[in-house]
Structure formats: C-alpha cells, structure tokens
PDB file of N, CA and C in Angstrom:
ATOM      1  N   UNK A   1     123.009 126.547 100.213  1.00  0.00           N
ATOM      2  CA  UNK A   1     124.759 126.722  99.692  1.00  0.00           C
ATOM      3  C   UNK A   1     124.539 127.987  98.024  1.00  0.00           C
ATOM      4  N   UNK A   2     125.295 129.407  98.513  1.00  0.00           N
ATOM      5  CA  UNK A   2     125.440 130.615  97.626  1.00  0.00           C
ATOM      6  C   UNK A   2     125.540 129.860  96.447  1.00  0.00           C
ATOM      7  N   UNK A   3     126.023 128.782  96.229  1.00  0.00           N
ATOM      8  CA  UNK A   3     126.176 128.425  94.717  1.00  0.00           C
ATOM      9  C   UNK A   3     126.694 126.909  94.503  1.00  0.00           C
ATOM     10  N   UNK A   4     126.388 126.548  92.798  1.00  0.00           N
ATOM     11  CA  UNK A   4     126.013 124.927  93.158  1.00  0.00           C
ATOM     12  C   UNK A   4     127.760 124.015  93.469  1.00  0.00           C
ATOM     13  N   UNK A   5     128.544 124.972  93.116  1.00  0.00           N
ATOM     14  CA  UNK A   5     129.799 124.428  93.290  1.00  0.00           C
ATOM     15  C   UNK A   5     129.966 123.902  94.750  1.00  0.00           C
ATOM     16  N   UNK A   6     129.773 125.164  95.560  1.00  0.00           N
ATOM     17  CA  UNK A   6     129.772 124.948  97.735  1.00  0.00           C
ATOM     18  C   UNK A   6     128.811 123.458  97.936  1.00  0.00           C
ATOM     19  N   UNK A   7     127.882 124.151  96.844  1.00  0.00           N
ATOM     20  CA  UNK A   7     126.009 122.631  97.734  1.00  0.00           C
ATOM     21  C   UNK A   7     127.243 121.176  97.079  1.00  0.00           C
ATOM     22  N   UNK A   8     127.211 121.396  95.958  1.00  0.00           N
ATOM     23  CA  UNK A   8     128.186 119.537  95.805  1.00  0.00           C
ATOM     24  C   UNK A   8     128.798 119.490  96.897  1.00  0.00           C
ATOM     25  N   UNK A   9     130.291 121.087  96.900  1.00  0.00           N
ATOM     26  CA  UNK A   9     131.755 120.777  97.291  1.00  0.00           C
ATOM     27  C   UNK A   9     130.915 119.600  99.203  1.00  0.00           C
ATOM     28  N   UNK A  10     129.484 120.761  99.351  1.00  0.00           N
ATOM     29  CA  UNK A  10     129.173 119.799 100.781  1.00  0.00           C
ATOM     30  C   UNK A  10     128.845 118.821 101.189  1.00  0.00           C
ATOM     31  N   UNK A  11     128.005 118.218  99.343  1.00  0.00           N
ATOM     32  CA  UNK A  11     127.261 116.967  99.802  1.00  0.00           C
ATOM     33  C   UNK A  11     128.673 116.284  99.922  1.00  0.00           C
ATOM     34  N   UNK A  12     129.684 115.858  98.761  1.00  0.00           N
ATOM     35  CA  UNK A  12     130.911 115.881  98.554  1.00  0.00           C
ATOM     36  C   UNK A  12     131.028 115.086 100.657  1.00  0.00           C
ATOM     37  N   UNK A  13     131.929 116.514 101.040  1.00  0.00           N
ATOM     38  CA  UNK A  13     131.594 116.512 102.450  1.00  0.00           C
ATOM     39  C   UNK A  13     130.769 115.369 103.471  1.00  0.00           C
ATOM     40  N   UNK A  14     129.653 115.323 103.051  1.00  0.00           N
ATOM     41  CA  UNK A  14     128.761 114.711 103.809  1.00  0.00           C
ATOM     42  C   UNK A  14     128.813 113.052 103.044  1.00  0.00           C
ATOM     43  N   UNK A  15     128.643 113.317 102.140  1.00  0.00           N
ATOM     44  CA  UNK A  15     128.718 112.257 101.225  1.00  0.00           C
ATOM     45  C   UNK A  15     129.828 111.160 101.971  1.00  0.00           C
ATOM     46  N   UNK A  16     131.329 111.784 102.095  1.00  0.00           N
ATOM     47  CA  UNK A  16     132.614 111.080 102.760  1.00  0.00           C
ATOM     48  C   UNK A  16     131.840 110.867 104.343  1.00  0.00           C
ATOM     49  N   UNK A  17     131.348 111.523 105.690  1.00  0.00           N
ATOM     50  CA  UNK A  17     131.614 111.505 106.260  1.00  0.00           C
ATOM     51  C   UNK A  17     130.791 110.055 106.768  1.00  0.00           C
ATOM     52  N   UNK A  18     129.551 110.682 105.862  1.00  0.00           N
ATOM     53  CA  UNK A  18     128.039 109.268 106.470  1.00  0.00           C
ATOM     54  C   UNK A  18     127.939 108.278 105.533  1.00  0.00           C
ATOM     55  N   UNK A  19     129.208 108.328 104.395  1.00  0.00           N
ATOM     56  CA  UNK A  19     128.068 106.267 103.474  1.00  0.00           C
ATOM     57  C   UNK A  19     128.452 105.921 104.583  1.00  0.00           C
ATOM     58  N   UNK A  20     129.358 105.451 105.308  1.00  0.00           N
ATOM     59  CA  UNK A  20     128.712 103.908 106.232  1.00  0.00           C
ATOM     60  C   UNK A  20     128.372 104.393 107.005  1.00  0.00           C
ATOM     61  N   UNK A  21     127.927 105.158 107.880  1.00  0.00           N
ATOM     62  CA  UNK A  21     127.129 105.166 108.783  1.00  0.00           C
ATOM     63  C   UNK A  21     125.489 105.170 108.838  1.00  0.00           C
ATOM     64  N   UNK A  22     125.633 105.612 107.572  1.00  0.00           N
ATOM     65  CA  UNK A  22     124.191 106.508 107.459  1.00  0.00           C
ATOM     66  C   UNK A  22     123.780 105.937 105.339  1.00  0.00           C
ATOM     67  N   UNK A  23     124.179 104.538 104.661  1.00  0.00           N
ATOM     68  CA  UNK A  23     124.350 104.750 103.635  1.00  0.00           C
ATOM     69  C   UNK A  23     122.489 105.190 102.252  1.00  0.00           C
ATOM     70  N   UNK A  24     121.595 104.998 103.297  1.00  0.00           N
ATOM     71  CA  UNK A  24     120.388 104.969 102.989  1.00  0.00           C
ATOM     72  C   UNK A  24     119.940 106.378 101.364  1.00  0.00           C
ATOM     73  N   UNK A  25     120.690 107.288 103.284  1.00  0.00           N
ATOM     74  CA  UNK A  25     120.047 108.854 103.203  1.00  0.00           C
ATOM     75  C   UNK A  25     121.154 109.383 102.223  1.00  0.00           C
ATOM     76  N   UNK A  26     122.470 109.162 102.032  1.00  0.00           N
ATOM     77  CA  UNK A  26     123.681 109.357 101.573  1.00  0.00           C
ATOM     78  C   UNK A  26     122.574 109.220  99.791  1.00  0.00           C
ATOM     79  N   UNK A  27     122.347 107.962  99.558  1.00  0.00           N
ATOM     80  CA  UNK A  27     122.205 107.076  98.320  1.00  0.00           C
ATOM     81  C   UNK A  27     120.974 108.445  98.234  1.00  0.00           C
ATOM     82  N   UNK A  28     119.732 109.115  98.918  1.00  0.00           N
ATOM     83  CA  UNK A  28     118.634 109.607  98.214  1.00  0.00           C
ATOM     84  C   UNK A  28     119.716 111.098  98.317  1.00  0.00           C
ATOM     85  N   UNK A  29     120.416 111.063  99.315  1.00  0.00           N
ATOM     86  CA  UNK A  29     121.081 112.859  98.752  1.00  0.00           C
ATOM     87  C   UNK A  29     121.470 112.500  96.783  1.00  0.00           C
ATOM     88  N   UNK A  30     122.638 111.585  97.120  1.00  0.00           N
ATOM     89  CA  UNK A  30     123.392 111.624  96.530  1.00  0.00           C
ATOM     90  C   UNK A  30     121.508 111.448  94.758  1.00  0.00           C
ATOM     91  N   UNK A  31     121.312 111.072  94.661  1.00  0.00           N
ATOM     92  CA  UNK A  31     119.622 111.097  93.508  1.00  0.00           C
ATOM     93  C   UNK A  31     119.335 112.076  93.478  1.00  0.00           C
ATOM     94  N   UNK A  32     118.843 113.027  94.373  1.00  0.00           N
ATOM     95  CA  UNK A  32     117.806 114.247  94.637  1.00  0.00           C
ATOM     96  C   UNK A  32     118.632 114.885  94.409  1.00  0.00           C
ATOM     97  N   UNK A  33     120.243 114.836  94.653  1.00  0.00           N
ATOM     98  CA  UNK A  33     121.163 116.331  94.737  1.00  0.00           C
ATOM     99  C   UNK A  33     120.634 117.239  93.359  1.00  0.00           C
ATOM    100  N   UNK A  34     120.589 117.349  91.683  1.00  0.00           N
ATOM    101  CA  UNK A  34     120.221 118.031  91.141  1.00  0.00           C
ATOM    102  C   UNK A  34     119.133 118.722  90.921  1.00  0.00           C
ATOM    103  N   UNK A  35     117.983 117.988  91.352  1.00  0.00           N
ATOM    104  CA  UNK A  35     116.844 118.614  91.727  1.00  0.00           C
ATOM    105  C   UNK A  35     116.953 119.924  92.976  1.00  0.00           C
ATOM    106  N   UNK A  36     116.944 119.438  93.689  1.00  0.00           N
ATOM    107  CA  UNK A  36     117.313 120.267  94.770  1.00  0.00           C
ATOM    108  C   UNK A  36     118.074 121.562  94.579  1.00  0.00           C
ATOM    109  N   UNK A  37     119.030 120.902  93.433  1.00  0.00           N
ATOM    110  CA  UNK A  37     119.949 122.454  93.317  1.00  0.00           C
ATOM    111  C   UNK A  37     119.573 123.357  91.983  1.00  0.00           C
ATOM    112  N   UNK A  38     118.840 122.765  91.904  1.00  0.00           N
ATOM    113  CA  UNK A  38     118.130 123.282  90.549  1.00  0.00           C
ATOM    114  C   UNK A  38     118.220 124.970  90.139  1.00  0.00           C
ATOM    115  N   UNK A  39     117.236 125.148  91.791  1.00  0.00           N
ATOM    116  CA  UNK A  39     117.106 126.611  91.961  1.00  0.00           C
ATOM    117  C   UNK A  39     118.261 127.211  92.143  1.00  0.00           C
ATOM    118  N   UNK A  40     119.224 126.709  92.665  1.00  0.00           N
ATOM    119  CA  UNK A  40     120.771 127.341  92.610  1.00  0.00           C
ATOM    120  C   UNK A  40     121.241 127.887  91.317  1.00  0.00           C
ATOM    121  N   UNK A  41     120.752 127.592  89.927  1.00  0.00           N
ATOM    122  CA  UNK A  41     120.562 128.197  88.738  1.00  0.00           C
ATOM    123  C   UNK A  41     120.100 129.534  88.283  1.00  0.00           C
ATOM    124  N   UNK A  42     119.213 129.757  89.158  1.00  0.00           N
ATOM    125  CA  UNK A  42     118.223 131.286  89.091  1.00  0.00           C
ATOM    126  C   UNK A  42     118.735 132.035  89.377  1.00  0.00           C
ATOM    127  N   UNK A  43     118.061 133.670  89.206  1.00  0.00           N
ATOM    128  CA  UNK A  43     118.614 134.587  89.721  1.00  0.00           C
ATOM    129  C   UNK A  43     118.332 134.450  90.898  1.00  0.00           C
ATOM    130  N   UNK A  44     119.389 135.726  92.346  1.00  0.00           N
ATOM    131  CA  UNK A  44     118.598 134.854  93.264  1.00  0.00           C
ATOM    132  C   UNK A  44     117.335 135.967  93.664  1.00  0.00           C
ATOM    133  N   UNK A  45     116.656 136.247  93.161  1.00  0.00           N
ATOM    134  CA  UNK A  45     115.409 137.256  93.764  1.00  0.00           C
ATOM    135  C   UNK A  45     113.864 136.065  93.303  1.00  0.00           C
ATOM    136  N   UNK A  46     114.132 135.380  92.325  1.00  0.00           N
ATOM    137  CA  UNK A  46     113.721 133.733  92.632  1.00  0.00           C
ATOM    138  C   UNK A  46     114.304 132.793  93.300  1.00  0.00           C
ATOM    139  N   UNK A  47     115.092 132.608  92.750  1.00  0.00           N
ATOM    140  CA  UNK A  47     115.886 131.652  94.334  1.00  0.00           C
ATOM    141  C   UNK A  47     115.497 131.500  95.907  1.00  0.00           C
ATOM    142  N   UNK A  48     115.267 133.187  95.957  1.00  0.00           N
ATOM    143  CA  UNK A  48     114.598 133.151  97.694  1.00  0.00           C
ATOM    144  C   UNK A  48     113.091 132.955  98.156  1.00  0.00           C
ATOM    145  N   UNK A  49     112.428 132.856  97.175  1.00  0.00           N
ATOM    146  CA  UNK A  49     111.050 133.025  96.619  1.00  0.00           C
ATOM    147  C   UNK A  49     110.288 131.180  96.726  1.00  0.00           C
ATOM    148  N   UNK A  50     111.609 130.303  95.658  1.00  0.00           N
ATOM    149  CA  UNK A  50     111.551 128.888  95.117  1.00  0.00           C
ATOM    150  C   UNK A  50     111.887 127.980  96.153  1.00  0.00           C
ATOM    151  N   UNK A  51     112.625 128.660  96.860  1.00  0.00           N
ATOM    152  CA  UNK A  51     113.999 127.312  98.203  1.00  0.00           C
ATOM    153  C   UNK A  51     113.387 127.168  99.432  1.00  0.00           C
ATOM    154  N   UNK A  52     112.723 128.062  99.221  1.00  0.00           N
ATOM    155  CA  UNK A  52     111.717 127.465 100.972  1.00  0.00           C
ATOM    156  C   UNK A  52     110.940 127.107 100.331  1.00  0.00           C
ATOM    157  N   UNK A  53     109.369 126.443 101.424  1.00  0.00           N
ATOM    158  CA  UNK A  53     109.065 126.172 101.567  1.00  0.00           C
ATOM    159  C   UNK A  53     107.085 126.975 101.735  1.00  0.00           C
ATOM    160  N   UNK A  54     107.473 128.364 101.867  1.00  0.00           N
ATOM    161  CA  UNK A  54     106.684 128.779 102.959  1.00  0.00           C
ATOM    162  C   UNK A  54     105.205 129.165 101.750  1.00  0.00           C
ATOM    163  N   UNK A  55     105.377 128.765 100.740  1.00  0.00           N
ATOM    164  CA  UNK A  55     104.458 128.860  99.817  1.00  0.00           C
ATOM    165  C   UNK A  55     103.026 128.646  99.952  1.00  0.00           C
ATOM    166  N   UNK A  56     103.489 126.410  99.804  1.00  0.00           N
ATOM    167  CA  UNK A  56     102.958 125.610 100.395  1.00  0.00           C
ATOM    168  C   UNK A  56     102.169 125.731 101.738  1.00  0.00           C
ATOM    169  N   UNK A  57     103.165 126.110 102.743  1.00  0.00           N
ATOM    170  CA  UNK A  57     102.887 126.452 104.097  1.00  0.00           C
ATOM    171  C   UNK A  57     102.008 127.102 104.402  1.00  0.00           C
ATOM    172  N   UNK A  58     101.923 128.596 103.624  1.00  0.00           N
ATOM    173  CA  UNK A  58     100.652 129.158 103.706  1.00  0.00           C
ATOM    174  C   UNK A  58      99.193 128.936 103.091  1.00  0.00           C
ATOM    175  N   UNK A  59      99.454 128.166 101.752  1.00  0.00           N
ATOM    176  CA  UNK A  59      98.623 126.984 101.280  1.00  0.00           C
ATOM    177  C   UNK A  59      97.492 126.246 102.490  1.00  0.00           C
ATOM    178  N   UNK A  60      98.758 125.368 102.942  1.00  0.00           N
ATOM    179  CA  UNK A  60      98.462 125.046 104.212  1.00  0.00           C
ATOM    180  C   UNK A  60      97.051 125.174 104.871  1.00  0.00           C
ATOM    181  N   UNK A  61      98.031 126.359 105.809  1.00  0.00           N
ATOM    182  CA  UNK A  61      97.327 126.583 106.494  1.00  0.00           C
ATOM    183  C   UNK A  61      96.064 127.013 106.043  1.00  0.00           C
ATOM    184  N   UNK A  62      96.378 128.105 105.276  1.00  0.00           N
ATOM    185  CA  UNK A  62      94.310 128.336 104.655  1.00  0.00           C
ATOM    186  C   UNK A  62      93.679 127.622 104.448  1.00  0.00           C
ATOM    187  N   UNK A  63      94.294 126.853 103.989  1.00  0.00           N
ATOM    188  CA  UNK A  63      92.761 124.998 104.314  1.00  0.00           C
ATOM    189  C   UNK A  63      92.936 124.978 105.724  1.00  0.00           C
ATOM    190  N   UNK A  64      93.898 124.717 106.268  1.00  0.00           N
ATOM    191  CA  UNK A  64      93.453 124.263 107.763  1.00  0.00           C
ATOM    192  C   UNK A  64      92.328 125.537 107.996  1.00  0.00           C
ATOM    193  N   UNK A  65      92.766 126.368 108.056  1.00  0.00           N
ATOM    194  CA  UNK A  65      91.373 127.651 108.481  1.00  0.00           C
ATOM    195  C   UNK A  65      90.363 127.788 108.289  1.00  0.00           C
ATOM    196  N   UNK A  66      90.049 126.957 106.900  1.00  0.00           N
ATOM    197  CA  UNK A  66      88.379 127.181 106.521  1.00  0.00           C
ATOM    198  C   UNK A  66      88.402 125.612 107.157  1.00  0.00           C
ATOM    199  N   UNK A  67      89.052 124.720 107.701  1.00  0.00           N
ATOM    200  CA  UNK A  67      88.483 122.935 107.839  1.00  0.00           C
ATOM    201  C   UNK A  67      88.072 123.345 109.345  1.00  0.00           C
ATOM    202  N   UNK A  68      88.424 124.291 109.872  1.00  0.00           N
ATOM    203  CA  UNK A  68      88.619 124.369 111.085  1.00  0.00           C
ATOM    204  C   UNK A  68      87.411 125.121 111.829  1.00  0.00           C
ATOM    205  N   UNK A  69      86.657 125.837 110.470  1.00  0.00           N
ATOM    206  CA  UNK A  69      85.049 126.718 110.631  1.00  0.00           C
ATOM    207  C   UNK A  69      84.277 125.165 110.372  1.00  0.00           C
ATOM    208  N   UNK A  70      84.182 124.411 109.706  1.00  0.00           N
ATOM    209  CA  UNK A  70      83.909 123.651 109.006  1.00  0.00           C
ATOM    210  C   UNK A  70      82.943 122.506 109.748  1.00  0.00           C
ATOM    211  N   UNK A  71      84.860 122.026 110.608  1.00  0.00           N
ATOM    212  CA  UNK A  71      84.823 121.046 111.043  1.00  0.00           C
ATOM    213  C   UNK A  71      84.846 119.453 110.830  1.00  0.00           C
ATOM    214  N   UNK A  72      83.208 119.409 110.427  1.00  0.00           N
ATOM    215  CA  UNK A  72      82.748 118.575 109.550  1.00  0.00           C
ATOM    216  C   UNK A  72      81.762 118.449 108.511  1.00  0.00           C
ATOM    217  N   UNK A  73      82.973 117.453 107.556  1.00  0.00           N
ATOM    218  CA  UNK A  73      82.613 117.820 106.482  1.00  0.00           C
ATOM    219  C   UNK A  73      81.281 116.034 106.216  1.00  0.00           C
ATOM    220  N   UNK A  74      80.012 117.110 105.240  1.00  0.00           N
ATOM    221  CA  UNK A  74      79.066 116.074 104.592  1.00  0.00           C
ATOM    222  C   UNK A  74      79.669 115.134 104.039  1.00  0.00           C
ATOM    223  N   UNK A  75      80.642 115.155 103.321  1.00  0.00           N
ATOM    224  CA  UNK A  75      80.475 113.976 101.848  1.00  0.00           C
ATOM    225  C   UNK A  75      82.091 114.737 101.506  1.00  0.00           C
ATOM    226  N   UNK A  76      82.332 113.284 100.023  1.00  0.00           N
ATOM    227  CA  UNK A  76      84.015 114.155  99.587  1.00  0.00           C
ATOM    228  C   UNK A  76      84.136 115.102  98.879  1.00  0.00           C
ATOM    229  N   UNK A  77      82.457 115.794  98.344  1.00  0.00           N
ATOM    230  CA  UNK A  77      82.505 116.468  96.656  1.00  0.00           C
ATOM    231  C   UNK A  77      82.576 118.065  97.538  1.00  0.00           C
ATOM    232  N   UNK A  78      82.248 117.880  99.220  1.00  0.00           N
ATOM    233  CA  UNK A  78      82.015 119.652  99.413  1.00  0.00           C
ATOM    234  C   UNK A  78      83.832 119.468  99.740  1.00  0.00           C
ATOM    235  N   UNK A  79      84.256 119.223 100.092  1.00  0.00           N
ATOM    236  CA  UNK A  79      85.398 118.557 100.080  1.00  0.00           C
ATOM    237  C   UNK A  79      86.718 119.640  99.393  1.00  0.00           C
ATOM    238  N   UNK A  80      86.202 118.873  97.883  1.00  0.00           N
ATOM    239  CA  UNK A  80      86.918 119.279  96.624  1.00  0.00           C
ATOM    240  C   UNK A  80      86.269 120.845  96.109  1.00  0.00           C
ATOM    241  N   UNK A  81      84.494 120.977  95.993  1.00  0.00           N
ATOM    242  CA  UNK A  81      84.293 122.690  96.155  1.00  0.00           C
ATOM    243  C   UNK A  81      85.058 123.802  97.115  1.00  0.00           C
ATOM    244  N   UNK A  82      85.258 123.409  98.034  1.00  0.00           N
ATOM    245  CA  UNK A  82      86.091 124.269  99.127  1.00  0.00           C
ATOM    246  C   UNK A  82      87.486 124.534  98.793  1.00  0.00           C
ATOM    247  N   UNK A  83      87.897 123.104  98.441  1.00  0.00           N
ATOM    248  CA  UNK A  83      89.682 123.228  97.855  1.00  0.00           C
ATOM    249  C   UNK A  83      89.845 124.566  96.890  1.00  0.00           C
ATOM    250  N   UNK A  84      88.718 123.494  95.503  1.00  0.00           N
ATOM    251  CA  UNK A  84      88.611 123.709  94.949  1.00  0.00           C
ATOM    252  C   UNK A  84      88.179 125.548  94.595  1.00  0.00           C
ATOM    253  N   UNK A  85      86.910 126.511  95.635  1.00  0.00           N
ATOM    254  CA  UNK A  85      87.454 127.831  95.805  1.00  0.00           C
ATOM    255  C   UNK A  85      88.809 128.487  96.078  1.00  0.00           C
ATOM    256  N   UNK A  86      89.132 128.241  96.763  1.00  0.00           N
ATOM    257  CA  UNK A  86      90.713 127.967  97.795  1.00  0.00           C
ATOM    258  C   UNK A  86      91.169 127.906  96.566  1.00  0.00           C
ATOM    259  N   UNK A  87      91.818 127.589  96.280  1.00  0.00           N
ATOM    260  CA  UNK A  87      92.755 127.441  95.256  1.00  0.00           C
ATOM    261  C   UNK A  87      92.424 128.503  93.840  1.00  0.00           C
ATOM    262  N   UNK A  88      91.254 128.718  93.159  1.00  0.00           N
ATOM    263  CA  UNK A  88      90.335 130.094  92.345  1.00  0.00           C
ATOM    264  C   UNK A  88      90.688 130.918  93.096  1.00  0.00           C
ATOM    265  N   UNK A  89      90.433 131.112  93.955  1.00  0.00           N
ATOM    266  CA  UNK A  89      90.112 132.705  94.309  1.00  0.00           C
ATOM    267  C   UNK A  89      91.753 133.326  94.633  1.00  0.00           C
ATOM    268  N   UNK A  90      92.965 132.131  95.409  1.00  0.00           N
ATOM    269  CA  UNK A  90      94.768 132.250  94.885  1.00  0.00           C
ATOM    270  C   UNK A  90      94.745 132.332  93.503  1.00  0.00           C
ATOM    271  N   UNK A  91      94.965 132.224  92.561  1.00  0.00           N
ATOM    272  CA  UNK A  91      94.960 132.074  91.614  1.00  0.00           C
ATOM    273  C   UNK A  91      94.440 133.686  91.221  1.00  0.00           C
ATOM    274  N   UNK A  92      93.394 133.643  91.257  1.00  0.00           N
ATOM    275  CA  UNK A  92      93.558 135.152  91.215  1.00  0.00           C
ATOM    276  C   UNK A  92      93.276 136.278  91.735  1.00  0.00           C
ATOM    277  N   UNK A  93      93.803 135.981  92.432  1.00  0.00           N
ATOM    278  CA  UNK A  93      94.671 137.332  92.830  1.00  0.00           C
ATOM    279  C   UNK A  93      96.496 137.244  93.213  1.00  0.00           C
ATOM    280  N   UNK A  94      96.597 136.121  92.609  1.00  0.00           N
ATOM    281  CA  UNK A  94      98.117 136.074  91.587  1.00  0.00           C
ATOM    282  C   UNK A  94      98.034 136.559  90.356  1.00  0.00           C
ATOM    283  N   UNK A  95      97.186 136.502  89.733  1.00  0.00           N
ATOM    284  CA  UNK A  95      96.411 137.263  88.066  1.00  0.00           C
ATOM    285  C   UNK A  95      96.814 137.955  87.651  1.00  0.00           C
ATOM    286  N   UNK A  96      95.654 138.684  88.663  1.00  0.00           N
ATOM    287  CA  UNK A  96      94.791 139.596  88.595  1.00  0.00           C
ATOM    288  C   UNK A  96      96.061 140.975  89.967  1.00  0.00           C
ATOM    289  N   UNK A  97      96.360 140.364  91.020  1.00  0.00           N
ATOM    290  CA  UNK A  97      96.976 141.581  91.693  1.00  0.00           C
ATOM    291  C   UNK A  97      97.899 141.495  92.251  1.00  0.00           C
ATOM    292  N   UNK A  98      97.925 140.617  93.109  1.00  0.00           N
ATOM    293  CA  UNK A  98      99.669 140.759  93.613  1.00  0.00           C
ATOM    294  C   UNK A  98     100.464 139.067  93.030  1.00  0.00           C
ATOM    295  N   UNK A  99     101.618 139.636  92.626  1.00  0.00           N
ATOM    296  CA  UNK A  99     102.814 139.148  92.450  1.00  0.00           C
ATOM    297  C   UNK A  99     103.297 138.951  92.959  1.00  0.00           C
ATOM    298  N   UNK A 100     103.560 136.702  93.060  1.00  0.00           N
ATOM    299  CA  UNK A 100     103.894 136.365  93.867  1.00  0.00           C
ATOM    300  C   UNK A 100     105.635 135.593  92.822  1.00  0.00           C
ATOM    301  N   UNK A 101     105.745 136.142  92.021  1.00  0.00           N
ATOM    302  CA  UNK A 101     106.786 136.564  91.403  1.00  0.00           C
ATOM    303  C   UNK A 101     106.564 137.369  90.267  1.00  0.00           C
ATOM    304  N   UNK A 102     107.193 138.286  89.797  1.00  0.00           N
ATOM    305  CA  UNK A 102     107.240 138.567  88.574  1.00  0.00           C
ATOM    306  C   UNK A 102     108.282 137.812  88.144  1.00  0.00           C
ATOM    307  N   UNK A 103     107.276 138.009  86.368  1.00  0.00           N
ATOM    308  CA  UNK A 103     107.934 137.181  85.876  1.00  0.00           C
ATOM    309  C   UNK A 103     108.945 137.501  84.439  1.00  0.00           C
ATOM    310  N   UNK A 104     108.517 139.152  84.668  1.00  0.00           N
ATOM    311  CA  UNK A 104     109.023 139.474  83.232  1.00  0.00           C
ATOM    312  C   UNK A 104     110.877 139.472  83.306  1.00  0.00           C
ATOM    313  N   UNK A 105     111.481 139.777  84.575  1.00  0.00           N
ATOM    314  CA  UNK A 105     112.418 139.673  84.717  1.00  0.00           C
ATOM    315  C   UNK A 105     113.335 137.834  84.507  1.00  0.00           C
ATOM    316  N   UNK A 106     112.214 137.649  84.975  1.00  0.00           N
ATOM    317  CA  UNK A 106     113.038 136.485  84.282  1.00  0.00           C
ATOM    318  C   UNK A 106     113.085 135.558  83.046  1.00  0.00           C
ATOM    319  N   UNK A 107     111.545 136.008  82.625  1.00  0.00           N
ATOM    320  CA  UNK A 107     112.547 135.869  80.496  1.00  0.00           C
ATOM    321  C   UNK A 107     113.268 136.879  79.765  1.00  0.00           C
ATOM    322  N   UNK A 108     113.894 137.856  80.375  1.00  0.00           N
ATOM    323  CA  UNK A 108     114.619 138.726  80.200  1.00  0.00           C
ATOM    324  C   UNK A 108     116.458 138.098  80.335  1.00  0.00           C
ATOM    325  N   UNK A 109     116.279 137.082  81.932  1.00  0.00           N
ATOM    326  CA  UNK A 109     117.785 136.909  82.367  1.00  0.00           C
ATOM    327  C   UNK A 109     117.866 135.242  81.725  1.00  0.00           C
ATOM    328  N   UNK A 110     116.389 135.081  80.726  1.00  0.00           N
ATOM    329  CA  UNK A 110     116.209 133.633  80.587  1.00  0.00           C
ATOM    330  C   UNK A 110     117.091 134.023  79.021  1.00  0.00           C
ATOM    331  N   UNK A 111     116.392 134.722  77.991  1.00  0.00           N
ATOM    332  CA  UNK A 111     117.287 135.754  76.590  1.00  0.00           C
ATOM    333  C   UNK A 111     118.689 135.847  77.040  1.00  0.00           C
ATOM    334  N   UNK A 112     118.893 136.271  78.421  1.00  0.00           N
ATOM    335  CA  UNK A 112     120.883 136.284  78.005  1.00  0.00           C
ATOM    336  C   UNK A 112     121.393 135.025  78.375  1.00  0.00           C
ATOM    337  N   UNK A 113     120.367 134.449  79.459  1.00  0.00           N
ATOM    338  CA  UNK A 113     121.583 132.831  79.456  1.00  0.00           C
ATOM    339  C   UNK A 113     121.336 132.153  77.982  1.00  0.00           C
ATOM    340  N   UNK A 114     120.116 132.385  76.891  1.00  0.00           N
ATOM    341  CA  UNK A 114     120.477 131.187  76.036  1.00  0.00           C
ATOM    342  C   UNK A 114     121.634 132.027  74.728  1.00  0.00           C
ATOM    343  N   UNK A 115     122.248 133.816  75.010  1.00  0.00           N
ATOM    344  CA  UNK A 115     121.729 134.575  74.469  1.00  0.00           C
ATOM    345  C   UNK A 115     123.975 134.395  74.614  1.00  0.00           C
ATOM    346  N   UNK A 116     124.572 133.284  75.726  1.00  0.00           N
ATOM    347  CA  UNK A 116     125.033 133.253  76.119  1.00  0.00           C
ATOM    348  C   UNK A 116     125.455 131.557  76.050  1.00  0.00           C
ATOM    349  N   UNK A 117     124.958 131.257  76.254  1.00  0.00           N
ATOM    350  CA  UNK A 117     125.546 129.724  75.365  1.00  0.00           C
ATOM    351  C   UNK A 117     124.850 129.653  74.134  1.00  0.00           C
ATOM    352  N   UNK A 118     123.985 130.192  73.458  1.00  0.00           N
ATOM    353  CA  UNK A 118     125.092 129.669  71.713  1.00  0.00           C
ATOM    354  C   UNK A 118     125.680 130.061  71.059  1.00  0.00           C
ATOM    355  N   UNK A 119     126.501 130.751  71.855  1.00  0.00           N
ATOM    356  CA  UNK A 119     127.867 130.843  70.714  1.00  0.00           C
ATOM    357  C   UNK A 119     128.751 129.346  71.290  1.00  0.00           C
ATOM    358  N   UNK A 120     128.780 128.504  72.591  1.00  0.00           N
ATOM    359  CA  UNK A 120     129.231 127.731  72.841  1.00  0.00           C
ATOM    360  C   UNK A 120     128.299 126.016  72.291  1.00  0.00           C
ATOM    361  N   UNK A 121     127.134 126.720  72.068  1.00  0.00           N
ATOM    362  CA  UNK A 121     126.489 125.104  71.224  1.00  0.00           C
ATOM    363  C   UNK A 121     127.027 125.132  69.814  1.00  0.00           C
ATOM    364  N   UNK A 122     126.678 126.782  68.758  1.00  0.00           N
ATOM    365  CA  UNK A 122     127.581 126.132  68.087  1.00  0.00           C
ATOM    366  C   UNK A 122     128.898 126.040  67.537  1.00  0.00           C
ATOM    367  N   UNK A 123     130.155 126.223  68.731  1.00  0.00           N
ATOM    368  CA  UNK A 123     131.224 125.759  68.264  1.00  0.00           C
ATOM    369  C   UNK A 123     131.011 124.161  68.211  1.00  0.00           C
ATOM    370  N   UNK A 124     130.923 123.214  69.192  1.00  0.00           N
ATOM    371  CA  UNK A 124     130.112 122.328  69.605  1.00  0.00           C
ATOM    372  C   UNK A 124     129.758 122.019  68.716  1.00  0.00           C
ATOM    373  N   UNK A 125     129.091 122.387  67.259  1.00  0.00           N
ATOM    374  CA  UNK A 125     127.845 121.973  65.973  1.00  0.00           C
ATOM    375  C   UNK A 125     129.044 121.675  65.045  1.00  0.00           C
ATOM    376  N   UNK A 126     129.723 122.681  65.205  1.00  0.00           N
ATOM    377  CA  UNK A 126     130.771 122.914  63.616  1.00  0.00           C
ATOM    378  C   UNK A 126     132.068 122.236  64.314  1.00  0.00           C
ATOM    379  N   UNK A 127     132.555 121.566  65.368  1.00  0.00           N
ATOM    380  CA  UNK A 127     133.371 121.097  65.718  1.00  0.00           C
ATOM    381  C   UNK A 127     133.527 119.464  65.381  1.00  0.00           C
TER     382      UNK A 127
END
C-alpha cells in the first residue's frame, strides 16, 4: 500500500471478506497490522529498502555459500566462528564503505517531524 490510510482500508476489506472463512488469519493480521505498517511513516527512500526482506535474504545466501564450501562442520563453535566472521565483515563494509542506508537524511527528516508535532503537543499540554 502506498500509505497507511490505504493499508488500513485494504485490511478492513480483507477482514470483512475473510472473518468467517479464516478467523485465525484475520486475528494475526489485526494483531500485527501496526508492526508491519510502521515502515509506511518513513520517507520513501527508506521505505523501499525496509519493506522487503532482501537484506536478510542476501545475508542468508552469503551464509549458505560459505556453508556449501565447508559442508560438514566439526563442532558448534566452528559454525559460530564462521558466522561471526561473516557478520563482522558485513558490518565493517557497511560502516566504512558502502552504506545500505544513509542515515543523515533520516535524522533530518526526524527533526522536521518533531518540529511539526511540537505545536500540537503544546496545545494538548496547555488544554
């Protein structure tokens, strides 16, 4: 959905249509709706990156690629060492070179959001 209003409208339509056919699915959707739509309040640049599981899938593929080379691990600690080294390598790449998300723009957006909500908060406090 392009925005929260549309997402809520689509959810309500789904709930009306499937409330009797799939009550468990409807319950899960209603309970998790706020969590899964939280990304919709962010700027579009971040929303495109965070709405998918591409980052997790890429990480899992890197783990699988290394695991296929080793095939059989001698013990649990060797798996932890391999995964730890991989995660440290990815973290180092993101912190020193390629940035997955440029957070400077996010912090600027957040300041603007806080400024726009401050007058409304003062009205509530003064009322």
